[in-house]
């Protein structure tokens, strides 16, 4: 599976094939222990967060903050999924070494599919906010820590905005089980976000043009794009419920990305649901 755009002198992106391969190996081995644990749990994919994960990330028994919730309003509520792509969610993706354990213990892959199926059955609009990088994105003059990492490993790479050459089965492609939902002619695939939030894509416009002001948010990765979408949508006046086990995060020496996001979800989201709850609510709203 190719994740590059023919890296070399001609592309002028500053990354040659050897650099890309080395960076990929670093990511894939940075959390070898976590990857091994994730692989062990991967046998027989869970349809929900494992009991161990529910215990490890349980909400406090005596919350110190007000407990609020979001009601689904038919015609005004949509499912938004960030980055449902191979590089984040597949064992063949370039980030599996650091996100695989969290994806597996949360049952993220199956839970996202359950949300897709529930939304389609209920006639709820579905929006995808994808992540793509083109050769010109590799020429940025400065990058943050994870931007630099993503560019170095060829994550979400495509040869250009007007070309789908090499897209099928690449790290930028959708997870195969999601294609029947995303490619049904009804799902709105927005222009790509480039860093983490939807500030630079057309998600807000597409939602507003459909009369949407409530969002059920899921996807990857918890403390990066998913959290950034939550913040941006809240600032734009949307009401947002996050599906907590339909996302996941990297586990690295710097910390547990999923836990970092979960703490913030509790503090700012209008609702924090398990997939089971979200699916039931979506069905009732039909």
Protein backbone atom coordinates (compact mmCIF):
# COMPACT_ATOMS: atom_id res chain seq x y z
CA UNK A 1 0.00 0.00 0.00
CA UNK A 2 1.50 3.35 -1.04
CA UNK A 3 1.27 6.46 1.07
CA UNK A 4 3.60 8.67 -0.94
CA UNK A 5 3.52 10.96 -3.92
CA UNK A 6 6.76 9.75 -5.54
CA UNK A 7 8.90 11.47 -2.92
CA UNK A 8 12.20 12.54 -4.39
CA UNK A 9 14.02 15.54 -5.85
CA UNK A 10 11.21 16.28 -8.28
CA UNK A 11 8.53 16.74 -5.62
CA UNK A 12 10.49 19.38 -3.69
CA UNK A 13 8.69 18.50 -0.46
CA UNK A 14 11.85 17.95 1.54
CA UNK A 15 11.19 14.24 2.18
CA UNK A 16 12.91 11.50 0.20
CA UNK A 17 11.70 7.87 0.27
CA UNK A 18 14.32 6.86 2.83
CA UNK A 19 13.23 9.63 5.21
CA UNK A 20 9.58 8.64 4.84
CA UNK A 21 10.33 4.98 5.52
CA UNK A 22 12.45 5.84 8.55
CA UNK A 23 9.75 8.12 9.98
CA UNK A 24 7.12 5.45 9.46
CA UNK A 25 9.23 2.88 11.26
CA UNK A 26 9.69 5.27 14.17
CA UNK A 27 5.93 5.79 14.51
CA UNK A 28 5.18 2.09 14.13
CA UNK A 29 7.71 1.16 16.82
CA UNK A 30 7.34 4.14 19.17
CA UNK A 31 4.73 2.31 21.19
CA UNK A 32 5.66 -1.31 20.54
CA UNK A 33 4.17 -2.46 23.81
CA UNK A 34 0.90 -0.67 23.12
CA UNK A 35 0.76 -2.10 19.62
CA UNK A 36 1.31 -5.62 20.93
CA UNK A 37 -1.50 -5.19 23.45
CA UNK A 38 -3.75 -3.80 20.74
CA UNK A 39 -2.99 -6.70 18.44
CA UNK A 40 -3.84 -9.15 21.19
CA UNK A 41 -7.20 -7.50 21.73
CA UNK A 42 -7.87 -7.27 17.98
CA UNK A 43 -8.79 -10.94 17.71
CA UNK A 44 -12.56 -10.77 17.40
CA UNK A 45 -13.22 -7.04 17.07
CA UNK A 46 -15.37 -5.62 19.83
CA UNK A 47 -18.65 -3.93 18.98
CA UNK A 48 -18.30 -1.64 21.97
CA UNK A 49 -15.66 -0.53 24.41
CA UNK A 50 -14.26 -3.45 26.36
CA UNK A 51 -15.22 -3.71 30.05
CA UNK A 52 -11.60 -2.94 30.92
CA UNK A 53 -11.69 0.24 28.86
CA UNK A 54 -15.01 1.31 30.36
CA UNK A 55 -13.52 0.90 33.82
CA UNK A 56 -10.26 2.62 32.94
CA UNK A 57 -12.04 5.65 31.46
CA UNK A 58 -15.13 5.68 33.67
CA UNK A 59 -16.75 8.99 34.53
CA UNK A 60 -16.37 10.17 38.13
CA UNK A 61 -19.00 8.77 40.48
CA UNK A 62 -19.59 12.23 41.93
CA UNK A 63 -19.15 14.77 39.10
CA UNK A 64 -18.16 18.26 40.15
CA UNK A 65 -19.65 19.92 37.07
CA UNK A 66 -23.28 20.33 35.94
CA UNK A 67 -24.49 17.36 33.90
CA UNK A 68 -26.16 18.49 30.68
CA UNK A 69 -27.34 16.66 27.58
CA UNK A 70 -28.34 17.23 23.97
CA UNK A 71 -31.66 16.28 22.43
CA UNK A 72 -31.77 15.19 18.79
CA UNK A 73 -34.05 17.40 16.71
CA UNK A 74 -35.17 15.75 13.47
CA UNK A 75 -34.10 17.78 10.45
CA UNK A 76 -31.66 19.85 12.51
CA UNK A 77 -29.24 17.15 13.62
CA UNK A 78 -26.46 15.48 11.63
CA UNK A 79 -23.77 12.88 12.15
CA UNK A 80 -20.27 14.27 11.51
CA UNK A 81 -17.36 11.85 11.24
CA UNK A 82 -13.76 13.04 11.15
CA UNK A 83 -11.02 11.13 9.33
CA UNK A 84 -12.67 7.68 8.88
CA UNK A 85 -9.57 6.68 6.95
CA UNK A 86 -7.19 3.75 6.71
CA UNK A 87 -4.16 5.56 8.11
CA UNK A 88 -5.98 6.06 11.43
CA UNK A 89 -8.20 2.99 11.74
CA UNK A 90 -6.56 0.04 10.00
CA UNK A 91 -3.75 -2.23 11.15
CA UNK A 92 -2.20 -1.34 7.78
CA UNK A 93 -2.36 2.39 8.56
CA UNK A 94 0.82 4.31 9.32
CA UNK A 95 -0.34 5.28 12.83
CA UNK A 96 -1.48 1.86 14.06
CA UNK A 97 1.60 1.49 16.25
CA UNK A 98 0.43 4.37 18.43
CA UNK A 99 -3.37 4.36 18.05
CA UNK A 100 -4.05 0.64 17.64
CA UNK A 101 -4.46 -0.15 21.32
CA UNK A 102 -6.99 2.65 21.85
CA UNK A 103 -8.89 1.90 18.63
CA UNK A 104 -9.17 -1.75 19.63
CA UNK A 105 -10.15 -1.29 23.28
CA UNK A 106 -12.81 1.30 22.39
CA UNK A 107 -14.21 -0.79 19.51
CA UNK A 108 -13.85 2.38 17.44
CA UNK A 109 -14.00 0.85 13.96
CA UNK A 110 -17.23 -1.05 14.58
CA UNK A 111 -18.77 1.76 16.59
CA UNK A 112 -18.29 4.27 13.78
CA UNK A 113 -19.96 1.82 11.40
CA UNK A 114 -22.87 1.40 13.82
CA UNK A 115 -23.35 5.18 13.79
CA UNK A 116 -23.27 5.26 9.99
CA UNK A 117 -25.87 2.49 9.80
CA UNK A 118 -28.13 4.09 12.41
CA UNK A 119 -27.99 7.52 10.76
CA UNK A 120 -28.75 6.09 7.32
CA UNK A 121 -31.66 4.04 8.67
CA UNK A 122 -33.08 7.12 10.37
CA UNK A 123 -32.63 9.40 7.38
CA UNK A 124 -30.20 11.57 9.34
CA UNK A 125 -27.74 13.59 7.22
CA UNK A 126 -24.14 12.37 7.37
CA UNK A 127 -21.09 14.56 6.84
CA UNK A 128 -17.45 13.52 6.48
CA UNK A 129 -14.60 15.89 7.29
CA UNK A 130 -11.59 14.15 5.72
CA UNK A 131 -7.87 14.80 6.06
CA UNK A 132 -5.72 14.92 2.91
CA UNK A 133 -2.24 16.21 2.18
CA UNK A 134 -1.07 17.17 -1.29
CA UNK A 135 2.52 17.77 -2.45
CA UNK A 136 2.21 21.52 -1.88
CA UNK A 137 1.31 20.90 1.76
CA UNK A 138 4.73 19.32 2.24
CA UNK A 139 6.32 22.70 1.43
CA UNK A 140 4.99 24.55 4.50
CA UNK A 141 7.61 26.80 6.09
CA UNK A 142 6.76 25.67 9.64
CA UNK A 143 4.91 22.83 11.33
CA UNK A 144 3.73 21.76 14.75
CA UNK A 145 4.95 18.52 16.32
CA UNK A 146 2.31 16.24 14.87
CA UNK A 147 2.04 18.12 11.59
CA UNK A 148 5.73 17.38 11.08
CA UNK A 149 5.16 13.74 12.00
CA UNK A 150 2.19 13.34 9.65
CA UNK A 151 4.05 14.90 6.76
CA UNK A 152 7.17 12.82 7.41
CA UNK A 153 5.31 9.49 7.37
CA UNK A 154 3.24 10.31 4.29
CA UNK A 155 -0.02 10.22 6.25
CA UNK A 156 -3.16 10.90 4.20
CA UNK A 157 -1.02 11.70 1.14
CA UNK A 158 -2.59 12.18 -2.27
CA UNK A 159 -0.86 13.26 -5.50
CA UNK A 160 -3.03 16.37 -5.84
CA UNK A 161 -6.49 17.84 -5.26
CA UNK A 162 -7.64 16.98 -8.79
CA UNK A 163 -6.29 13.44 -8.92
CA UNK A 164 -7.44 10.17 -7.38
CA UNK A 165 -4.38 8.33 -8.68
CA UNK A 166 -3.37 5.75 -6.10
CA UNK A 167 -6.23 6.67 -3.77
CA UNK A 168 -8.00 3.30 -3.73
CA UNK A 169 -6.67 1.33 -0.77
CA UNK A 170 -4.17 3.99 0.24
CA UNK A 171 -3.90 5.42 3.73
CA UNK A 172 -6.05 8.37 2.64
CA UNK A 173 -8.89 6.09 1.50
CA UNK A 174 -11.95 5.27 3.61
CA UNK A 175 -12.02 2.14 5.71
CA UNK A 176 -13.50 -0.48 3.36
CA UNK A 177 -16.55 -1.23 5.55
CA UNK A 178 -17.55 2.44 5.50
CA UNK A 179 -17.62 2.86 1.74
CA UNK A 180 -21.21 1.68 1.30
CA UNK A 181 -22.32 4.51 3.60
CA UNK A 182 -19.97 7.24 2.41
CA UNK A 183 -20.31 6.51 -1.30
CA UNK A 184 -24.10 6.14 -1.38
CA UNK A 185 -24.62 9.46 -3.18
CA UNK A 186 -26.19 11.06 -0.10
CA UNK A 187 -23.29 11.53 2.31
CA UNK A 188 -21.69 14.97 2.17
CA UNK A 189 -17.90 14.67 1.88
CA UNK A 190 -16.48 18.07 2.75
CA UNK A 191 -13.26 19.57 1.50
CA UNK A 192 -10.27 18.43 3.57
CA UNK A 193 -9.19 20.01 6.81
CA UNK A 194 -5.48 20.59 6.85
CA UNK A 195 -4.35 20.70 10.47
CA UNK A 196 -6.99 19.59 13.00
CA UNK A 197 -10.14 21.75 12.95
CA UNK A 198 -12.69 22.49 10.22
CA UNK A 199 -11.61 26.15 10.18
CA UNK A 200 -10.16 25.70 6.69
CA UNK A 201 -12.77 23.45 5.08
CA UNK A 202 -16.43 23.83 4.15
CA UNK A 203 -18.03 21.76 6.93
CA UNK A 204 -19.67 24.79 8.57
CA UNK A 205 -21.07 25.99 5.24
CA UNK A 206 -22.41 22.57 4.31
CA UNK A 207 -24.07 22.11 7.71
CA UNK A 208 -25.64 25.57 7.68
CA UNK A 209 -26.92 25.13 4.12
CA UNK A 210 -28.77 22.03 5.30
CA UNK A 211 -30.28 23.82 8.31
CA UNK A 212 -28.21 21.80 10.78
CA UNK A 213 -27.45 23.27 14.20
CA UNK A 214 -26.90 20.07 16.21
CA UNK A 215 -24.06 17.62 15.60
CA UNK A 216 -23.34 14.08 16.74
CA UNK A 217 -19.54 13.93 16.48
CA UNK A 218 -17.33 10.84 16.05
CA UNK A 219 -14.16 9.81 14.27
CA UNK A 220 -10.43 10.17 14.64
CA UNK A 221 -8.41 11.14 16.44
CA UNK A 222 -9.81 11.99 19.86
CA UNK A 223 -7.48 14.73 21.11
CA UNK A 224 -6.60 16.04 17.66
CA UNK A 225 -9.12 16.42 14.84
CA UNK A 226 -12.18 15.25 16.77
CA UNK A 227 -11.53 17.60 19.68
CA UNK A 228 -10.62 20.47 17.34
CA UNK A 229 -13.88 19.95 15.43
CA UNK A 230 -15.77 20.01 18.71
CA UNK A 231 -14.24 23.32 19.73
CA UNK A 232 -14.72 24.96 16.32
CA UNK A 233 -18.33 23.83 16.01
CA UNK A 234 -19.13 25.06 19.52
CA UNK A 235 -17.59 28.45 18.72
CA UNK A 236 -19.73 28.61 15.58
CA UNK A 237 -22.91 28.12 17.60
CA UNK A 238 -23.58 24.41 17.08
CA UNK A 239 -24.75 22.08 19.81
CA UNK A 240 -22.46 19.05 19.85
CA UNK A 241 -22.63 15.58 21.43
CA UNK A 242 -19.49 13.45 21.20
CA UNK A 243 -19.69 9.66 20.93
CA UNK A 244 -16.96 8.63 23.32
CA UNK A 245 -16.27 5.08 22.10
CA UNK A 246 -16.47 6.02 18.41
CA UNK A 247 -13.12 7.77 18.66
CA UNK A 248 -9.67 6.87 20.00
CA UNK A 249 -6.27 8.41 20.56
CA UNK A 250 -2.55 7.77 20.45
CA UNK A 251 -0.75 6.33 23.45
CA UNK A 252 2.81 7.65 23.49
CA UNK A 253 5.41 8.51 26.14
CA UNK A 254 3.99 12.04 26.16
CA UNK A 255 0.63 10.74 27.35
CA UNK A 256 -2.70 9.08 26.56
CA UNK A 257 -4.40 11.14 23.84
CA UNK A 258 -7.78 9.50 24.42
CA UNK A 259 -7.80 10.35 28.12
CA UNK A 260 -6.73 13.92 27.38
CA UNK A 261 -9.64 14.31 24.97
CA UNK A 262 -12.15 12.62 27.26
CA UNK A 263 -11.41 15.09 30.06
CA UNK A 264 -12.07 17.97 27.68
CA UNK A 265 -15.17 16.34 26.20
CA UNK A 266 -16.62 16.17 29.72
CA UNK A 267 -15.93 19.85 30.23
CA UNK A 268 -17.18 21.39 27.00
CA UNK A 269 -19.45 19.07 24.97
CA UNK A 270 -23.24 19.37 25.08
CA UNK A 271 -23.47 15.61 25.44
CA UNK A 272 -21.11 12.68 25.91
CA UNK A 273 -22.65 9.41 24.75
CA UNK A 274 -21.70 5.77 24.35
CA UNK A 275 -22.37 4.30 20.91
CA UNK A 276 -25.17 2.13 22.29
CA UNK A 277 -26.92 5.24 23.59
CA UNK A 278 -26.29 7.22 20.41
CA UNK A 279 -27.68 4.46 18.18
CA UNK A 280 -30.82 4.19 20.31
CA UNK A 281 -31.34 7.96 20.30
CA UNK A 282 -30.87 8.18 16.54
CA UNK A 283 -33.40 5.38 15.99
CA UNK A 284 -35.94 7.11 18.21
CA UNK A 285 -35.52 10.34 16.27
CA UNK A 286 -36.49 8.79 12.93
